Amino acid sequence: MKNSNFEKKNQRVVTFLNREEVDFLDKLGKDALFSAGFKLSRAKLIAWLIDILKGLNINGENIKSGKDLEYRVMRVLKQNIDEGSVPAASHSRTK
């Protein structure tokens, strides 16, 4: 039986990124540090990107490549801009 006070715990995910991808995440983190005084970790950036995709109601249906995902995201963003709406993230991660 689950405890009603059960806290949601983060799961560890191991991923392989190339040097360019790691450098990009590090640059985002350092840019935030120098401009806003807050260093963003790689894990936090990846988690926020997932939250953004969830907020856009992006699913994996018929996605076979990175280009398919990019097309889907751009299409949803364009549709939201054309409608003048911005979807809310499914839940926010502030820290």
N, C-alpha and C. Protein backbone atom coordinates (compact mmCIF):
# COMPACT_ATOMS: atom_id res chain seq x y z
N MET A 1 0.84 -1.17 0.00
CA MET A 1 0.00 0.00 0.00
C MET A 1 0.88 1.23 0.00
N LYS A 2 0.55 2.20 -0.82
CA LYS A 2 1.36 3.41 -0.91
C LYS A 2 1.00 4.38 0.20
N ASN A 3 2.03 5.01 0.72
CA ASN A 3 1.85 6.04 1.73
C ASN A 3 1.26 7.28 1.07
N SER A 4 0.24 7.88 1.67
CA SER A 4 -0.40 9.06 1.07
C SER A 4 0.55 10.26 1.06
N ASN A 5 1.59 10.23 1.88
CA ASN A 5 2.57 11.31 1.92
C ASN A 5 3.78 11.00 1.03
N PHE A 6 3.62 10.06 0.11
CA PHE A 6 4.70 9.65 -0.77
C PHE A 6 5.17 10.84 -1.61
N GLU A 7 6.46 11.13 -1.52
CA GLU A 7 7.02 12.24 -2.30
C GLU A 7 7.49 11.72 -3.65
N LYS A 8 7.26 12.54 -4.66
CA LYS A 8 7.71 12.19 -6.00
C LYS A 8 9.24 12.32 -6.04
N LYS A 9 9.91 11.25 -6.38
CA LYS A 9 11.37 11.27 -6.44
C LYS A 9 11.83 11.30 -7.88
N ASN A 10 12.89 12.02 -8.11
CA ASN A 10 13.48 12.07 -9.45
C ASN A 10 14.16 10.74 -9.75
N GLN A 11 14.14 10.39 -11.00
CA GLN A 11 14.80 9.18 -11.46
C GLN A 11 16.09 9.56 -12.18
N ARG A 12 17.11 8.77 -12.00
CA ARG A 12 18.38 9.00 -12.67
C ARG A 12 18.30 8.44 -14.09
N VAL A 13 18.67 9.26 -15.06
CA VAL A 13 18.69 8.85 -16.45
C VAL A 13 20.09 9.11 -16.99
N VAL A 14 20.68 8.10 -17.59
CA VAL A 14 22.01 8.25 -18.18
C VAL A 14 21.81 8.43 -19.68
N THR A 15 22.47 9.44 -20.23
CA THR A 15 22.36 9.69 -21.66
C THR A 15 23.74 9.92 -22.25
N PHE A 16 23.87 9.69 -23.51
CA PHE A 16 25.12 9.93 -24.21
C PHE A 16 24.92 11.10 -25.16
N LEU A 17 25.67 12.15 -24.94
CA LEU A 17 25.63 13.33 -25.79
C LEU A 17 27.00 13.53 -26.41
N ASN A 18 27.02 14.09 -27.61
CA ASN A 18 28.33 14.37 -28.19
C ASN A 18 28.87 15.67 -27.59
N ARG A 19 30.10 15.99 -27.90
CA ARG A 19 30.76 17.14 -27.31
C ARG A 19 30.03 18.45 -27.60
N GLU A 20 29.54 18.58 -28.81
CA GLU A 20 28.82 19.80 -29.20
C GLU A 20 27.54 19.98 -28.37
N GLU A 21 26.83 18.90 -28.12
CA GLU A 21 25.60 18.96 -27.32
C GLU A 21 25.90 19.32 -25.86
N VAL A 22 26.95 18.71 -25.30
CA VAL A 22 27.35 19.02 -23.93
C VAL A 22 27.80 20.48 -23.83
N ASP A 23 28.60 20.93 -24.80
CA ASP A 23 29.05 22.32 -24.80
C ASP A 23 27.87 23.30 -24.86
N PHE A 24 26.84 22.95 -25.65
CA PHE A 24 25.67 23.80 -25.77
C PHE A 24 24.95 23.91 -24.42
N LEU A 25 24.75 22.77 -23.74
CA LEU A 25 24.09 22.80 -22.43
C LEU A 25 24.92 23.60 -21.43
N ASP A 26 26.23 23.41 -21.46
CA ASP A 26 27.10 24.15 -20.55
C ASP A 26 27.05 25.65 -20.82
N LYS A 27 27.00 26.03 -22.10
CA LYS A 27 26.92 27.44 -22.45
C LYS A 27 25.61 28.05 -21.98
N LEU A 28 24.50 27.32 -22.12
CA LEU A 28 23.23 27.82 -21.61
C LEU A 28 23.32 28.07 -20.10
N GLY A 29 23.92 27.12 -19.40
CA GLY A 29 24.08 27.25 -17.95
C GLY A 29 24.94 28.43 -17.56
N LYS A 30 26.04 28.62 -18.27
CA LYS A 30 26.94 29.74 -17.97
C LYS A 30 26.31 31.07 -18.36
N ASP A 31 25.58 31.11 -19.48
CA ASP A 31 24.89 32.34 -19.86
C ASP A 31 23.90 32.75 -18.78
N ALA A 32 23.17 31.79 -18.23
CA ALA A 32 22.22 32.08 -17.15
C ALA A 32 22.96 32.58 -15.92
N LEU A 33 24.10 31.99 -15.63
CA LEU A 33 24.88 32.41 -14.47
C LEU A 33 25.32 33.86 -14.60
N PHE A 34 25.85 34.22 -15.76
CA PHE A 34 26.37 35.58 -15.93
C PHE A 34 25.28 36.61 -16.12
N SER A 35 24.14 36.21 -16.66
CA SER A 35 23.07 37.19 -16.91
C SER A 35 22.05 37.27 -15.77
N ALA A 36 21.81 36.15 -15.09
CA ALA A 36 20.77 36.13 -14.06
C ALA A 36 21.29 35.71 -12.69
N GLY A 37 22.56 35.32 -12.63
CA GLY A 37 23.14 34.93 -11.35
C GLY A 37 22.75 33.53 -10.90
N PHE A 38 22.27 32.72 -11.82
CA PHE A 38 21.81 31.38 -11.48
C PHE A 38 22.36 30.37 -12.47
N LYS A 39 23.17 29.42 -12.01
CA LYS A 39 23.74 28.39 -12.89
C LYS A 39 22.73 27.29 -13.10
N LEU A 40 22.48 26.98 -14.34
CA LEU A 40 21.56 25.90 -14.68
C LEU A 40 22.37 24.64 -14.97
N SER A 41 21.99 23.56 -14.34
CA SER A 41 22.69 22.29 -14.58
C SER A 41 22.19 21.66 -15.88
N ARG A 42 22.99 20.77 -16.40
CA ARG A 42 22.58 20.03 -17.60
C ARG A 42 21.27 19.29 -17.34
N ALA A 43 21.19 18.65 -16.19
CA ALA A 43 20.00 17.87 -15.85
C ALA A 43 18.76 18.76 -15.78
N LYS A 44 18.92 19.94 -15.19
CA LYS A 44 17.79 20.86 -15.08
C LYS A 44 17.33 21.32 -16.46
N LEU A 45 18.27 21.64 -17.33
CA LEU A 45 17.93 22.07 -18.69
C LEU A 45 17.18 20.97 -19.44
N ILE A 46 17.66 19.74 -19.33
CA ILE A 46 17.00 18.63 -20.01
C ILE A 46 15.60 18.41 -19.43
N ALA A 47 15.47 18.50 -18.11
CA ALA A 47 14.15 18.33 -17.48
C ALA A 47 13.19 19.42 -17.94
N TRP A 48 13.67 20.65 -18.04
CA TRP A 48 12.82 21.75 -18.50
C TRP A 48 12.40 21.56 -19.95
N LEU A 49 13.30 21.07 -20.78
CA LEU A 49 12.96 20.80 -22.18
C LEU A 49 11.85 19.75 -22.27
N ILE A 50 11.92 18.75 -21.41
CA ILE A 50 10.86 17.73 -21.37
C ILE A 50 9.54 18.37 -20.95
N ASP A 51 9.59 19.22 -19.93
CA ASP A 51 8.38 19.91 -19.49
C ASP A 51 7.78 20.77 -20.60
N ILE A 52 8.64 21.42 -21.38
CA ILE A 52 8.17 22.24 -22.49
C ILE A 52 7.45 21.36 -23.52
N LEU A 53 8.05 20.23 -23.87
CA LEU A 53 7.41 19.32 -24.84
C LEU A 53 6.08 18.81 -24.30
N LYS A 54 6.03 18.49 -23.02
CA LYS A 54 4.77 18.06 -22.43
C LYS A 54 3.74 19.17 -22.48
N GLY A 55 4.16 20.40 -22.21
CA GLY A 55 3.24 21.54 -22.25
C GLY A 55 2.70 21.80 -23.63
N LEU A 56 3.48 21.44 -24.64
CA LEU A 56 3.05 21.59 -26.03
C LEU A 56 2.23 20.39 -26.51
N ASN A 57 2.02 19.43 -25.61
CA ASN A 57 1.29 18.19 -25.93
C ASN A 57 1.93 17.42 -27.07
N ILE A 58 3.25 17.39 -27.08
CA ILE A 58 3.99 16.63 -28.08
C ILE A 58 4.01 15.16 -27.65
N ASN A 59 3.64 14.27 -28.57
CA ASN A 59 3.72 12.85 -28.27
C ASN A 59 4.66 12.19 -29.27
N GLY A 60 4.88 10.92 -29.14
CA GLY A 60 5.83 10.21 -29.99
C GLY A 60 5.23 9.59 -31.23
N GLU A 61 3.96 9.84 -31.47
CA GLU A 61 3.28 9.23 -32.60
C GLU A 61 3.91 9.65 -33.93
N ASN A 62 4.33 8.66 -34.70
CA ASN A 62 4.92 8.84 -36.03
C ASN A 62 6.23 9.64 -36.04
N ILE A 63 6.91 9.72 -34.92
CA ILE A 63 8.22 10.37 -34.90
C ILE A 63 9.28 9.29 -35.08
N LYS A 64 10.03 9.42 -36.17
CA LYS A 64 11.05 8.43 -36.49
C LYS A 64 12.45 9.03 -36.49
N SER A 65 12.53 10.36 -36.38
CA SER A 65 13.84 11.01 -36.43
C SER A 65 13.77 12.35 -35.68
N GLY A 66 14.94 12.92 -35.49
CA GLY A 66 15.02 14.24 -34.88
C GLY A 66 14.30 15.29 -35.72
N LYS A 67 14.38 15.13 -37.04
CA LYS A 67 13.69 16.07 -37.94
C LYS A 67 12.17 15.98 -37.76
N ASP A 68 11.65 14.76 -37.57
CA ASP A 68 10.22 14.60 -37.33
C ASP A 68 9.80 15.35 -36.06
N LEU A 69 10.59 15.19 -35.00
CA LEU A 69 10.29 15.89 -33.75
C LEU A 69 10.39 17.40 -33.93
N GLU A 70 11.44 17.85 -34.61
CA GLU A 70 11.61 19.28 -34.85
C GLU A 70 10.41 19.84 -35.62
N TYR A 71 9.98 19.14 -36.65
CA TYR A 71 8.84 19.58 -37.45
C TYR A 71 7.59 19.68 -36.58
N ARG A 72 7.37 18.68 -35.74
CA ARG A 72 6.18 18.67 -34.87
C ARG A 72 6.21 19.84 -33.91
N VAL A 73 7.35 20.09 -33.28
CA VAL A 73 7.47 21.19 -32.33
C VAL A 73 7.26 22.53 -33.04
N MET A 74 7.91 22.71 -34.18
CA MET A 74 7.78 23.97 -34.91
C MET A 74 6.34 24.20 -35.36
N ARG A 75 5.67 23.14 -35.79
CA ARG A 75 4.28 23.26 -36.23
C ARG A 75 3.38 23.70 -35.07
N VAL A 76 3.57 23.10 -33.90
CA VAL A 76 2.76 23.45 -32.73
C VAL A 76 3.07 24.89 -32.30
N LEU A 77 4.34 25.27 -32.29
CA LEU A 77 4.70 26.64 -31.92
C LEU A 77 4.10 27.65 -32.89
N LYS A 78 4.19 27.36 -34.18
CA LYS A 78 3.63 28.27 -35.18
C LYS A 78 2.12 28.39 -35.01
N GLN A 79 1.47 27.26 -34.76
CA GLN A 79 0.02 27.26 -34.57
C GLN A 79 -0.34 28.12 -33.35
N ASN A 80 0.42 27.99 -32.27
CA ASN A 80 0.15 28.77 -31.07
C ASN A 80 0.39 30.26 -31.29
N ILE A 81 1.42 30.58 -32.06
CA ILE A 81 1.70 31.99 -32.37
C ILE A 81 0.58 32.56 -33.23
N ASP A 82 0.16 31.81 -34.24
CA ASP A 82 -0.92 32.26 -35.12
C ASP A 82 -2.22 32.48 -34.36
N GLU A 83 -2.46 31.64 -33.34
CA GLU A 83 -3.67 31.75 -32.54
C GLU A 83 -3.51 32.77 -31.41
N GLY A 84 -2.29 33.24 -31.20
CA GLY A 84 -2.03 34.20 -30.12
C GLY A 84 -2.07 33.59 -28.74
N SER A 85 -1.86 32.28 -28.67
CA SER A 85 -1.87 31.61 -27.38
C SER A 85 -0.52 30.98 -27.09
N VAL A 86 -0.22 30.90 -25.81
CA VAL A 86 1.01 30.24 -25.37
C VAL A 86 0.60 29.17 -24.38
N PRO A 87 0.85 27.90 -24.70
CA PRO A 87 0.44 26.84 -23.78
C PRO A 87 1.26 26.87 -22.49
N ALA A 88 0.61 26.55 -21.40
CA ALA A 88 1.30 26.49 -20.11
C ALA A 88 2.03 25.17 -20.01
N ALA A 89 3.16 25.18 -19.32
CA ALA A 89 3.90 23.94 -19.09
C ALA A 89 3.05 23.05 -18.18
N SER A 90 3.26 21.75 -18.32
CA SER A 90 2.46 20.79 -17.54
C SER A 90 2.66 20.98 -16.04
N HIS A 91 3.84 21.33 -15.66
CA HIS A 91 4.15 21.72 -14.28
C HIS A 91 5.50 22.41 -14.33
N SER A 92 5.71 23.33 -13.44
CA SER A 92 6.97 24.07 -13.53
C SER A 92 7.99 23.53 -12.55
N ARG A 93 9.22 23.58 -12.96
CA ARG A 93 10.36 23.20 -12.13
C ARG A 93 11.15 24.45 -11.88
N THR A 94 11.06 24.98 -10.71
CA THR A 94 11.76 26.23 -10.43
C THR A 94 13.14 25.98 -9.86
N LYS A 95 13.34 24.87 -9.23
CA LYS A 95 14.65 24.58 -8.65
C LYS A 95 15.04 23.17 -8.93
